[in-house]
Protein backbone atom coordinates (compact mmCIF):
# COMPACT_ATOMS: atom_id res chain seq x y z
CA MET A 1 188.43 38.48 33.09
CA ASP A 2 189.10 34.80 31.72
CA TRP A 3 185.56 33.63 30.05
CA ARG A 4 186.74 30.38 31.29
CA GLU A 5 186.02 31.45 34.95
CA ARG A 6 182.15 32.27 33.95
CA ILE A 7 181.56 29.58 31.52
CA SER A 8 181.53 25.76 32.14
CA VAL A 9 180.93 22.74 29.76
CA ASP A 10 179.71 19.44 31.32
CA PRO A 11 178.51 16.31 29.42
CA GLY A 12 176.07 15.50 32.46
CA ILE A 13 174.24 19.27 32.25
CA ARG A 14 172.60 20.37 29.54
CA PHE A 15 173.61 17.85 27.21
CA GLY A 16 177.01 19.34 27.37
CA LYS A 17 175.87 22.89 26.26
CA ALA A 18 177.76 25.71 27.38
CA CYS A 19 176.26 27.19 30.63
CA VAL A 20 176.77 30.12 32.78
CA GLY A 21 178.92 28.77 35.57
CA GLY A 22 177.22 27.27 38.50
CA THR A 23 173.95 27.16 37.04
CA ARG A 24 171.83 25.12 34.14
CA ILE A 25 171.31 28.29 32.09
CA ALA A 26 172.58 27.78 28.78
CA VAL A 27 174.61 30.52 27.13
CA ALA A 28 172.84 29.84 23.98
CA ASP A 29 169.66 30.65 25.86
CA VAL A 30 171.14 34.16 27.00
CA LEU A 31 172.16 34.97 23.85
CA GLY A 32 168.78 34.13 22.31
CA TRP A 33 166.93 36.69 24.97
CA LEU A 34 169.40 39.32 24.09
CA SER A 35 168.59 38.70 20.08
CA ALA A 36 164.82 38.94 21.08
CA GLY A 37 165.59 42.19 22.98
CA MET A 38 165.88 41.65 26.68
CA THR A 39 168.53 43.76 28.24
CA ALA A 40 171.12 42.32 30.49
CA GLU A 41 169.24 44.00 33.36
CA GLU A 42 166.03 42.42 32.65
CA ILE A 43 167.92 38.88 32.11
CA VAL A 44 169.78 39.38 35.51
CA ALA A 45 166.38 40.31 37.12
CA GLU A 46 164.32 37.28 35.83
CA TYR A 47 167.36 34.90 36.33
CA PRO A 48 169.36 36.01 39.79
CA PRO A 49 171.77 33.48 39.33
CA ILE A 50 173.31 35.39 36.55
CA THR A 51 175.27 38.47 37.43
CA ARG A 52 176.86 41.05 35.50
């Protein structure tokens, strides 16, 4: 899978931060949650717009 199909950058959304495609959820936020100990399953359950 090409990452460009899953990640979007739009200057009008979250100040141009890389976001999960089709959402306003920043990639940096997801990485922060993972580094804080959340599992991928927990993130998907907490934020339904994100899929595996």
